[in-house]
Protein backbone atom coordinates (compact mmCIF):
# COMPACT_ATOMS: atom_id res chain seq x y z
CA MET A 1 0.00 0.00 0.00
CA ASP A 2 1.42 3.38 -1.05
CA VAL A 3 -0.15 5.76 1.47
CA VAL A 4 0.54 9.37 0.55
CA LEU A 5 0.50 12.06 3.22
CA ILE A 6 1.22 15.01 0.92
CA ASP A 7 1.28 15.73 -2.76
CA VAL A 8 3.89 13.48 -4.36
CA GLU A 9 5.55 16.21 -6.37
CA GLN A 10 5.67 18.54 -3.37
CA GLY A 11 7.20 15.74 -1.31
CA TYR A 12 9.83 15.01 -3.91
CA ARG A 13 10.74 18.71 -4.14
CA ALA A 14 11.21 18.74 -0.34
CA VAL A 15 13.47 15.69 -0.59
CA ALA A 16 15.51 17.18 -3.44
CA ALA A 17 15.98 20.35 -1.37
CA ARG A 18 16.75 18.33 1.80
CA ASP A 19 14.22 20.56 3.54
CA THR A 20 14.39 19.89 7.30
CA ARG A 21 10.98 21.52 7.81
CA PHE A 22 9.37 18.31 6.55
CA ASP A 23 11.30 15.95 8.86
CA GLY A 24 8.77 13.96 10.86
CA GLN A 25 5.89 15.01 8.63
CA PHE A 26 6.31 12.19 6.14
CA ILE A 27 8.65 9.31 5.32
CA LEU A 28 10.56 8.78 2.07
CA ALA A 29 11.03 5.13 1.07
CA VAL A 30 13.51 4.07 -1.63
CA ARG A 31 12.55 0.92 -3.53
CA THR A 32 16.05 0.20 -4.85
CA THR A 33 17.72 0.18 -1.42
CA GLY A 34 14.82 -1.01 0.74
CA ILE A 35 15.33 1.79 3.28
CA TYR A 36 13.22 4.70 4.51
CA CYS A 37 14.57 8.14 5.34
CA ARG A 38 13.64 11.55 6.64
CA PRO A 39 13.15 14.12 3.83
CA SER A 40 16.41 15.90 4.68
CA CYS A 41 18.59 12.77 4.46
CA PRO A 42 22.04 13.84 3.18
CA ALA A 43 22.32 10.83 0.85
CA ILE A 44 22.12 11.30 -2.91
CA THR A 45 18.56 12.08 -3.91
CA PRO A 46 17.02 8.96 -5.47
CA LYS A 47 15.23 9.08 -8.80
CA ARG A 48 11.56 9.95 -8.64
CA ARG A 49 10.48 6.58 -10.06
CA ASN A 50 12.27 4.77 -7.22
CA VAL A 51 10.56 6.50 -4.27
CA GLU A 52 7.24 6.40 -2.48
CA PHE A 53 5.93 8.32 0.49
CA TYR A 54 4.39 7.16 3.78
CA PRO A 55 2.78 9.12 6.60
CA THR A 56 4.54 7.17 9.38
CA ALA A 57 7.60 5.04 9.98
CA ALA A 58 5.25 2.20 10.91
CA ALA A 59 3.69 2.26 7.45
CA ALA A 60 7.12 2.10 5.82
CA GLN A 61 8.18 -0.74 8.11
CA GLN A 62 5.01 -2.66 7.34
CA ALA A 63 5.79 -2.30 3.64
CA GLY A 64 9.15 -3.99 4.26
CA TYR A 65 11.50 -1.02 4.51
CA ARG A 66 14.14 -0.55 7.21
CA ALA A 67 15.36 2.68 8.80
CA CYS A 68 18.27 4.58 7.26
CA ARG A 69 21.31 4.40 9.53
CA ARG A 70 22.64 7.68 8.19
CA CYS A 71 19.73 10.05 8.85
CA LEU A 72 18.00 8.09 11.71
CA PRO A 73 14.45 8.97 10.60
CA ASP A 74 12.90 8.07 13.95
CA ALA A 75 15.03 10.65 15.79
CA VAL A 76 13.20 13.74 14.51
CA PRO A 77 10.28 15.82 15.77
CA GLY A 78 6.94 14.09 15.41
CA SER A 79 4.34 15.17 12.92
CA PRO A 80 2.54 18.35 14.04
CA GLU A 81 -0.53 16.83 12.39
CA TRP A 82 -1.29 14.83 15.55
CA ASN A 83 -1.59 18.06 17.56
CA LEU A 84 -3.75 19.66 14.88
CA ARG A 85 -6.08 16.74 14.25
CA ALA A 86 -8.87 15.92 16.68
CA ASP A 87 -10.21 13.02 14.61
CA LEU A 88 -9.93 9.35 15.51
CA ALA A 89 -6.52 8.83 13.88
CA GLY A 90 -4.96 11.85 15.60
CA ARG A 91 -6.38 10.93 19.00
CA ALA A 92 -5.24 7.31 18.64
CA MET A 93 -1.72 8.34 17.63
CA ARG A 94 -1.32 10.46 20.75
CA LEU A 95 -2.34 7.51 22.92
CA ILE A 96 -0.10 5.06 21.05
CA SER A 97 2.88 7.38 21.57
CA ASP A 98 2.07 7.34 25.30
CA GLY A 99 2.38 3.53 25.29
CA ILE A 100 -1.27 2.63 25.77
CA VAL A 101 -1.06 -0.44 23.51
CA GLU A 102 1.84 -1.87 25.51
CA ARG A 103 -0.10 -1.38 28.75
CA GLU A 104 -3.70 -2.12 27.78
CA GLY A 105 -3.51 -3.67 24.32
CA VAL A 106 -5.59 -2.72 21.31
CA PRO A 107 -8.82 -3.26 23.30
CA GLY A 108 -7.66 -0.59 25.77
CA LEU A 109 -6.83 1.82 22.96
CA ALA A 110 -10.21 1.23 21.33
CA ARG A 111 -12.00 1.75 24.63
CA ARG A 112 -10.20 5.06 25.24
CA VAL A 113 -11.18 6.49 21.86
CA GLY A 114 -14.70 5.08 22.01
CA TYR A 115 -14.73 2.83 18.94
CA SER A 116 -14.60 -0.90 18.23
CA GLU A 117 -11.24 -2.54 17.59
CA ARG A 118 -12.30 -3.40 14.06
CA HIS A 119 -13.31 0.14 13.17
CA LEU A 120 -10.20 1.59 14.80
CA THR A 121 -7.92 -0.76 12.85
CA ARG A 122 -9.73 0.01 9.61
CA VAL A 123 -9.43 3.80 10.08
CA LEU A 124 -5.75 3.73 11.10
CA THR A 125 -4.83 1.45 8.21
CA ALA A 126 -6.67 3.66 5.73
CA GLU A 127 -5.26 6.91 7.15
CA LEU A 128 -1.75 5.88 8.17
CA GLY A 129 -0.95 2.72 6.26
CA ALA A 130 -0.64 0.63 9.43
CA GLY A 131 -2.90 -0.69 12.17
CA PRO A 132 -2.51 -0.09 15.90
CA LEU A 133 -0.22 -3.08 16.46
CA ALA A 134 2.20 -1.98 13.73
CA LEU A 135 2.17 1.60 15.00
CA ALA A 136 2.88 0.36 18.53
CA ARG A 137 5.68 -1.85 17.19
CA ALA A 138 7.35 1.22 15.67
CA HIS A 139 6.97 3.00 19.02
CA ARG A 140 8.61 0.06 20.82
CA ALA A 141 11.48 0.03 18.34
CA HIS A 142 12.11 3.74 18.93
CA SER A 143 12.07 3.28 22.72
CA ALA A 144 14.41 0.30 22.43
CA ARG A 145 16.89 2.24 20.31
CA MET A 146 17.02 5.03 22.90
CA LEU A 147 17.74 2.50 25.66
CA ILE A 148 20.32 0.66 23.57
CA GLU A 149 22.19 3.84 22.70
CA THR A 150 21.92 5.78 25.97
CA THR A 151 22.21 3.15 28.72
CA THR A 152 24.34 0.16 29.64
CA LEU A 153 21.29 -2.00 30.37
CA PRO A 154 21.59 -5.65 29.28
CA PHE A 155 19.63 -6.28 26.10
CA ALA A 156 17.17 -8.56 27.88
CA ASP A 157 16.30 -5.66 30.20
CA VAL A 158 16.04 -3.30 27.23
CA ALA A 159 13.65 -5.69 25.49
CA PHE A 160 11.18 -5.88 28.36
CA ALA A 161 11.56 -2.20 29.28
CA ALA A 162 10.62 -1.23 25.70
CA GLY A 163 7.53 -3.43 25.83
CA PHE A 164 8.61 -6.50 23.84
CA ALA A 165 7.15 -9.85 24.83
CA SER A 166 10.45 -11.69 24.40
CA VAL A 167 14.12 -11.15 23.65
CA ARG A 168 13.67 -12.94 20.34
CA GLN A 169 10.91 -10.54 19.30
CA PHE A 170 13.15 -7.64 20.33
CA ASN A 171 16.11 -8.92 18.29
CA ASP A 172 13.96 -9.63 15.23
CA THR A 173 12.33 -6.19 15.36
CA ILE A 174 15.61 -4.30 15.72
CA ARG A 175 17.06 -6.17 12.76
CA ALA A 176 13.94 -5.60 10.66
CA VAL A 177 13.59 -1.91 11.48
CA PHE A 178 17.21 -0.77 11.61
CA GLY A 179 18.96 -3.42 9.54
CA VAL A 180 21.50 -4.13 12.28
CA THR A 181 21.69 -6.02 15.55
CA PRO A 182 21.27 -4.39 18.98
CA SER A 183 25.02 -4.85 19.51
CA ASP A 184 25.75 -2.94 16.32
CA LEU A 185 23.53 -0.06 17.46
CA ARG A 186 25.25 0.14 20.83
CA MET A 187 28.74 0.04 19.31
CA ALA A 188 27.85 2.82 16.88
CA ALA A 189 26.45 4.89 19.75
CA LYS A 190 29.65 4.44 21.74
CA ARG A 191 31.68 5.69 18.80
CA ARG A 192 29.48 8.80 18.59
CA ALA A 193 29.31 9.41 22.35
CA ARG A 194 31.09 12.41 23.84
CA HIS A 195 30.51 11.43 27.44
CA ALA A 196 30.46 8.35 29.64
CA ALA A 197 27.51 6.02 29.28
CA PRO A 198 24.87 6.63 31.97
CA THR A 199 23.94 4.06 34.55
CA ALA A 200 20.76 2.02 34.56
CA GLY A 201 17.81 4.06 35.77
CA LYS A 202 19.31 7.35 34.56
CA LEU A 203 19.67 8.32 30.94
CA THR A 204 20.00 11.38 28.75
CA VAL A 205 18.17 11.72 25.45
CA ARG A 206 17.99 14.49 22.88
CA LEU A 207 14.49 15.76 22.11
CA ALA A 208 14.49 17.29 18.64
CA TYR A 209 12.33 20.24 17.62
CA ARG A 210 11.69 22.37 14.54
CA PRO A 211 13.27 25.80 14.91
CA PRO A 212 12.63 28.54 15.79
CA PHE A 213 11.89 27.69 19.42
CA ASP A 214 10.92 30.31 22.00
CA ALA A 215 12.58 28.42 24.86
CA ALA A 216 12.96 31.49 27.08
CA GLY A 217 9.27 32.36 26.93
CA LEU A 218 8.25 28.78 27.61
CA LEU A 219 10.56 28.53 30.61
CA ASP A 220 9.21 31.84 31.94
CA PHE A 221 5.67 30.49 31.70
CA LEU A 222 6.60 27.29 33.54
CA ALA A 223 8.75 29.09 36.12
CA ALA A 224 5.93 31.40 37.17
CA ARG A 225 3.70 28.39 37.83
CA ALA A 226 6.33 26.00 39.26
CA ILE A 227 5.09 24.19 42.38
CA PRO A 228 7.94 23.75 44.89
CA GLY A 229 8.99 20.12 45.16
CA VAL A 230 7.22 19.17 41.92
CA GLU A 231 8.91 21.62 39.52
CA SER A 232 11.87 23.94 39.37
CA VAL A 233 13.39 26.32 36.85
CA VAL A 234 17.03 27.14 37.58
CA ASP A 235 19.64 28.63 35.24
CA GLY A 236 17.70 27.89 32.06
CA SER A 237 16.85 24.32 33.04
CA TYR A 238 13.39 22.98 33.88
CA GLY A 239 12.93 20.02 36.20
CA ARG A 240 9.87 18.16 37.42
CA THR A 241 8.68 14.95 39.01
CA LEU A 242 6.72 12.44 36.95
CA ALA A 243 3.97 10.00 37.91
CA LEU A 244 4.24 7.35 35.20
CA PRO A 245 2.32 4.15 34.44
CA HIS A 246 4.85 1.79 36.05
CA GLY A 247 6.58 4.01 38.60
CA VAL A 248 7.85 7.51 39.27
CA GLY A 249 10.64 9.56 37.82
CA THR A 250 12.18 12.98 37.42
CA ALA A 251 13.19 14.93 34.35
CA ARG A 252 15.66 17.76 33.78
CA LEU A 253 15.21 19.66 30.50
CA ARG A 254 17.72 22.14 29.08
CA PRO A 255 17.14 23.72 25.65
CA ALA A 256 20.07 23.52 23.25
CA ASP A 257 20.65 24.23 19.57
CA GLY A 258 18.13 22.17 17.61
CA HIS A 259 17.18 19.93 20.52
CA VAL A 260 16.44 19.79 24.24
CA ASP A 261 18.80 17.82 26.48
CA CYS A 262 16.60 15.61 28.66
CA THR A 263 18.01 13.75 31.67
CA LEU A 264 15.60 11.19 33.10
CA ARG A 265 15.67 9.21 36.32
CA LEU A 266 13.14 6.36 36.19
CA THR A 267 12.27 3.72 38.75
CA ASP A 268 11.01 1.49 35.92
CA MET A 269 12.60 1.73 32.49
CA ARG A 270 9.34 0.60 30.85
CA ASP A 271 8.23 4.20 31.36
CA LEU A 272 10.82 5.64 28.98
CA GLY A 273 8.51 5.96 26.00
CA SER A 274 5.68 7.49 28.01
CA ALA A 275 8.04 9.93 29.74
CA VAL A 276 9.54 11.14 26.46
CA SER A 277 6.12 11.47 24.84
CA ARG A 278 4.73 13.50 27.76
CA LEU A 279 7.75 15.79 27.94
CA ARG A 280 7.57 16.46 24.21
CA ARG A 281 3.94 17.48 24.65
CA LEU A 282 4.83 19.63 27.68
CA LEU A 283 7.26 21.68 25.56
CA ASP A 284 5.19 21.46 22.34
CA LEU A 285 8.24 20.09 20.52
CA ASP A 286 6.28 18.63 17.62
CA ALA A 287 4.83 22.02 16.61
CA ASP A 288 5.37 23.48 13.14
CA PRO A 289 6.45 27.03 14.05
CA GLY A 290 6.95 27.98 10.43
CA ALA A 291 3.31 27.38 9.61
CA VAL A 292 2.12 29.11 12.78
CA ASP A 293 4.30 32.19 12.36
CA GLU A 294 3.52 32.53 8.65
CA LEU A 295 -0.23 32.65 9.19
CA LEU A 296 -0.23 34.84 12.31
CA SER A 297 2.23 37.36 10.86
CA ALA A 298 -0.19 37.92 7.98
CA ASP A 299 -2.26 39.95 10.46
CA PRO A 300 -0.53 43.36 10.71
CA ALA A 301 -1.48 43.64 14.38
CA LEU A 302 0.33 40.38 15.22
CA ALA A 303 3.25 40.70 12.80
CA GLY A 304 5.44 42.65 15.22
CA SER A 305 4.89 40.21 18.07
CA VAL A 306 5.66 37.24 15.80
CA ALA A 307 8.86 38.93 14.63
CA ARG A 308 9.92 39.59 18.24
CA THR A 309 8.99 36.10 19.43
CA PRO A 310 9.36 33.58 16.60
CA GLY A 311 8.59 29.98 17.42
CA ILE A 312 6.25 30.68 20.34
CA ARG A 313 5.07 27.44 21.94
CA LEU A 314 1.92 26.22 23.63
CA PRO A 315 2.75 24.81 27.10
CA GLY A 316 1.37 21.29 27.50
CA SER A 317 1.25 18.85 30.38
CA VAL A 318 2.63 15.58 31.73
CA ASP A 319 -0.41 14.80 33.90
CA ALA A 320 -3.96 15.47 32.74
CA ALA A 321 -5.60 15.29 36.19
CA GLU A 322 -3.01 17.73 37.53
CA ILE A 323 -3.86 20.30 34.87
CA VAL A 324 -7.57 20.00 35.64
CA THR A 325 -6.94 20.71 39.33
CA ARG A 326 -4.54 23.55 38.57
CA ALA A 327 -7.11 25.16 36.28
CA LEU A 328 -9.89 24.83 38.86
CA ILE A 329 -7.81 26.34 41.65
CA GLY A 330 -6.42 29.05 39.38
CA GLN A 331 -9.81 30.36 38.27
CA GLN A 332 -10.34 34.02 39.15
CA ILE A 333 -7.08 34.37 41.12
CA SER A 334 -3.55 35.40 40.20
CA VAL A 335 -0.88 32.93 39.20
CA ALA A 336 1.05 33.76 42.38
CA ALA A 337 -1.97 33.01 44.57
CA ALA A 338 -2.67 29.80 42.66
CA ARG A 339 0.93 28.72 43.05
CA THR A 340 0.74 29.28 46.81
CA ALA A 341 -2.48 27.25 47.10
CA LEU A 342 -1.15 24.45 44.92
CA GLY A 343 2.11 24.39 46.88
CA ALA A 344 0.23 23.97 50.16
CA LEU A 345 -1.92 21.22 48.63
CA THR A 346 1.14 19.38 47.34
CA MET A 347 3.05 19.69 50.60
CA ALA A 348 0.11 18.19 52.51
CA LEU A 349 -1.08 15.53 50.07
CA GLY A 350 1.68 14.92 47.50
CA GLU A 351 3.57 11.64 47.79
CA PRO A 352 7.26 12.17 48.69
CA LEU A 353 9.82 10.59 46.38
CA GLN A 354 11.73 7.75 48.02
CA THR A 355 14.85 9.09 46.32
CA PRO A 356 14.61 12.87 45.87
CA ASP A 357 16.41 14.43 42.92
CA GLY A 358 17.77 17.65 44.36
CA ASP A 359 14.90 20.12 44.68
CA LEU A 360 12.46 17.65 43.09
CA THR A 361 10.98 15.89 46.09
CA ARG A 362 7.24 15.24 45.63
CA LEU A 363 4.58 14.14 43.18
CA PHE A 364 1.52 16.27 42.58
CA PRO A 365 -1.42 14.92 44.65
CA THR A 366 -3.57 12.26 43.00
CA PRO A 367 -7.34 12.67 42.55
CA ASP A 368 -7.80 10.00 45.25
CA ALA A 369 -5.71 11.96 47.76
CA ILE A 370 -7.50 15.24 46.96
CA THR A 371 -10.90 13.56 47.26
CA GLU A 372 -10.06 12.06 50.64
CA ARG A 373 -8.29 14.97 52.31
CA GLY A 374 -8.63 18.02 50.08
CA ALA A 375 -11.29 19.58 52.30
CA GLU A 376 -8.72 19.75 55.13
CA VAL A 377 -6.19 21.64 53.03
CA LEU A 378 -7.98 23.74 50.41
CA THR A 379 -8.81 27.33 51.25
CA GLY A 380 -10.91 29.97 49.53
CA PRO A 381 -14.55 30.20 48.49
CA ARG A 382 -16.65 27.20 49.44
CA ARG A 383 -18.02 26.84 45.93
CA ARG A 384 -14.53 26.54 44.44
CA ILE A 385 -13.49 23.97 47.05
CA ALA A 386 -16.64 21.97 46.37
CA THR A 387 -15.93 22.02 42.63
CA VAL A 388 -12.33 20.86 43.11
CA LEU A 389 -13.48 18.00 45.34
CA GLU A 390 -16.35 16.99 43.06
CA VAL A 391 -14.23 16.93 39.89
CA ASN A 392 -11.40 15.03 41.57
CA ARG A 393 -13.90 12.49 42.90
CA ALA A 394 -15.12 11.95 39.34
CA LEU A 395 -11.53 11.57 38.14
CA ALA A 396 -10.73 9.09 40.92
CA GLU A 397 -13.82 6.98 40.26
CA GLY A 398 -13.43 7.04 36.47
CA ASP A 399 -16.62 9.00 35.79
CA LEU A 400 -14.48 11.73 34.22
CA ASP A 401 -11.69 10.46 31.96
CA VAL A 402 -9.24 13.14 30.87
CA HIS A 403 -6.40 11.96 28.63
CA VAL A 404 -4.52 12.94 25.48
CA GLY A 405 -6.80 10.87 23.26
CA ALA A 406 -10.04 12.47 24.46
CA ASP A 407 -12.41 14.03 21.97
CA PRO A 408 -12.11 17.82 22.50
CA ALA A 409 -15.81 18.60 22.19
CA GLU A 410 -16.84 15.71 24.44
CA LEU A 411 -14.22 16.68 27.02
CA SER A 412 -15.47 20.27 27.05
CA VAL A 413 -19.05 19.14 27.63
CA ALA A 414 -18.00 16.71 30.36
CA LEU A 415 -16.02 19.35 32.24
CA GLN A 416 -18.74 21.98 32.01
CA SER A 417 -21.30 19.54 33.39
CA PHE A 418 -19.79 20.24 36.83
CA SER A 419 -21.02 23.23 38.78
CA GLY A 420 -18.38 25.95 38.81
CA VAL A 421 -16.63 24.86 35.59
CA GLY A 422 -17.09 27.21 32.65
CA PRO A 423 -15.80 27.63 29.08
CA TRP A 424 -12.51 29.23 30.17
CA THR A 425 -11.52 26.23 32.30
CA ALA A 426 -12.62 23.72 29.67
CA GLY A 427 -10.70 25.58 26.96
CA TYR A 428 -7.59 25.85 29.12
CA VAL A 429 -7.64 22.09 29.78
CA GLN A 430 -8.04 21.42 26.06
CA MET A 431 -5.00 23.57 25.33
CA ARG A 432 -2.75 22.11 28.01
CA VAL A 433 -3.81 18.44 27.95
CA LEU A 434 -4.82 17.85 24.32
CA GLY A 435 -2.45 20.39 22.80
CA ALA A 436 -5.48 21.95 21.07
CA THR A 437 -4.10 24.53 18.65
CA ASP A 438 -7.29 26.47 17.94
CA VAL A 439 -8.66 27.64 21.30
CA LEU A 440 -8.91 31.37 22.02
CA LEU A 441 -9.74 32.13 25.66
CA SER A 442 -11.44 35.39 24.71
CA THR A 443 -13.00 35.91 28.15
CA ASP A 444 -9.55 36.11 29.76
CA VAL A 445 -8.96 39.66 30.99
CA ALA A 446 -5.19 39.61 30.45
CA LEU A 447 -5.61 38.23 26.94
CA ARG A 448 -7.99 41.06 26.05
CA ASN A 449 -5.57 43.56 27.58
CA GLY A 450 -2.93 42.14 25.27
CA ALA A 451 -5.26 42.52 22.31
CA ARG A 452 -5.74 46.18 23.23
CA ALA A 453 -1.95 46.65 23.50
CA LEU A 454 -1.58 45.33 19.94
CA SER A 455 -4.38 47.58 18.64
CA LEU A 456 -6.71 44.62 18.24
CA PRO A 457 -10.37 44.64 19.34
CA SER A 458 -10.64 43.96 23.06
CA ASP A 459 -14.35 43.26 23.36
CA ILE A 460 -15.13 39.56 23.18
CA ASP A 461 -17.40 39.42 20.13
CA THR A 462 -15.26 41.63 17.90
CA LEU A 463 -12.03 39.89 19.00
CA GLU A 464 -13.51 36.48 18.20
CA ALA A 465 -14.60 37.71 14.79
CA ARG A 466 -11.08 39.02 14.06
CA ALA A 467 -9.58 35.76 15.33
CA ARG A 468 -11.35 33.67 12.67
CA ALA A 469 -8.48 34.59 10.36
CA TRP A 470 -6.02 33.01 12.79
CA ARG A 471 -7.47 29.50 12.47
CA PRO A 472 -6.20 26.86 13.10
CA TRP A 473 -3.60 28.57 15.32
CA ARG A 474 -5.71 30.68 17.68
CA SER A 475 -4.12 29.08 20.76
CA TYR A 476 -0.72 30.39 19.64
CA ALA A 477 -2.23 33.80 18.91
CA GLY A 478 -3.51 33.78 22.49
CA MET A 479 0.03 33.23 23.73
CA HIS A 480 1.12 36.33 21.78
CA LEU A 481 -1.72 38.33 23.31
CA TRP A 482 -0.80 37.22 26.83
CA ARG A 483 2.79 38.21 26.14
CA ALA A 484 1.72 41.62 24.85
CA SER A 485 -0.42 42.27 27.92
CA GLY A 486 2.65 42.27 30.14
CA SER A 487 0.69 39.82 32.29
CA THR A 488 1.71 36.52 30.78
CA LEU A 489 2.92 35.40 34.16
CA ARG A 490 -0.25 36.44 35.96
CA SER A 491 -3.08 35.43 33.64
CA THR A 492 -3.44 31.64 33.86
CA SER A 493 -2.53 28.73 36.11
């Protein structure tokens, strides 16, 4: 099956130009060599009649191609399409990248997206050229390669940590996908390494992004909201604790040229893939800043802000339930006040790490803990406290399911069914948890102040009418408006 993501001639022109902007957005497969590459691969451009295009590495693998060892096509930013799309395929891809198939199987994935296994497989195969099992296999191969190249773990441990059922399956997959043995991959990594190999449980990976990248603005946003013990921003580095499917961990992120250095400490190495996926979403590393900036700068009122802050990013999340609670507590109060309240909640109810990592000492409280003891700790208006407790009870009991594969419209309705939860909170959760690119929080006072500062309409109806031209990037436009207001660090939780 030759599944085409973009126009064939446009794709070939991108390959001929070795255009890095298309890395991660589609895969080039070369029939004569049997390998697949990223569009910017430095190898000699193959003849047009010898190539075909696939939307994912999994589709190319399923067609019998193996990964190029020169350009490492799986070590690039992911397709921004999965952040833009809210359809079944996009929602499923976000869950697959979080490792849901390894943990719950295809039935679990189907249950999360609300469709039958048969229909899900049919849609993914039609849209992406591969079903959920093949897509998960590609995800496992990527996780395994990171462990092979960045740790000294025995290969048997790597196999099970990456989600393979057996060492034989691991060996066969690595050979099929990369055309070499695990030993060959590790030896090549050692030759490239500039530092000593990390120990088991701690590893450093490079998280690629498409430039430009407004790292300073993103770190400022996170620093203003950092909860002591859970997060820290020091000397241009962001750290936080992680509650992961199989254990806990910590991450230290430092932006560099073309990538983010990410140092992870994990109690269970099976969480590597999920940790990397969540951190990429936190920093919006799979965004297409060129497309965003091009459209927004077409509006004369936004052009100056885009020029001053190219590559602005949309802060995401590593824990959906945490973002819901932060949004609820942060409603109608300043960021500083919300941070104080969240800090007190975490100190009282957050689980301490058995092995603290410097200033990272606690996990954010779980919905269960907040339900049981939140009334003892939370302060402020009774109605807000009641809402926080009610929503966390629904999260704990499974009546409210907030995750990266949720349908945006259904999630908004579910959230607003609770007393005290309005459109602002629902939209904020969509932006942070789902990475929704087209949400404008027009009722936000600071955002409208920013609109006024940029000579844009500041009344809600007129601003929303003007913002139609910013689709599908209204969330990023909102970040520019917050920045322009001078209140970016005081406007949201």
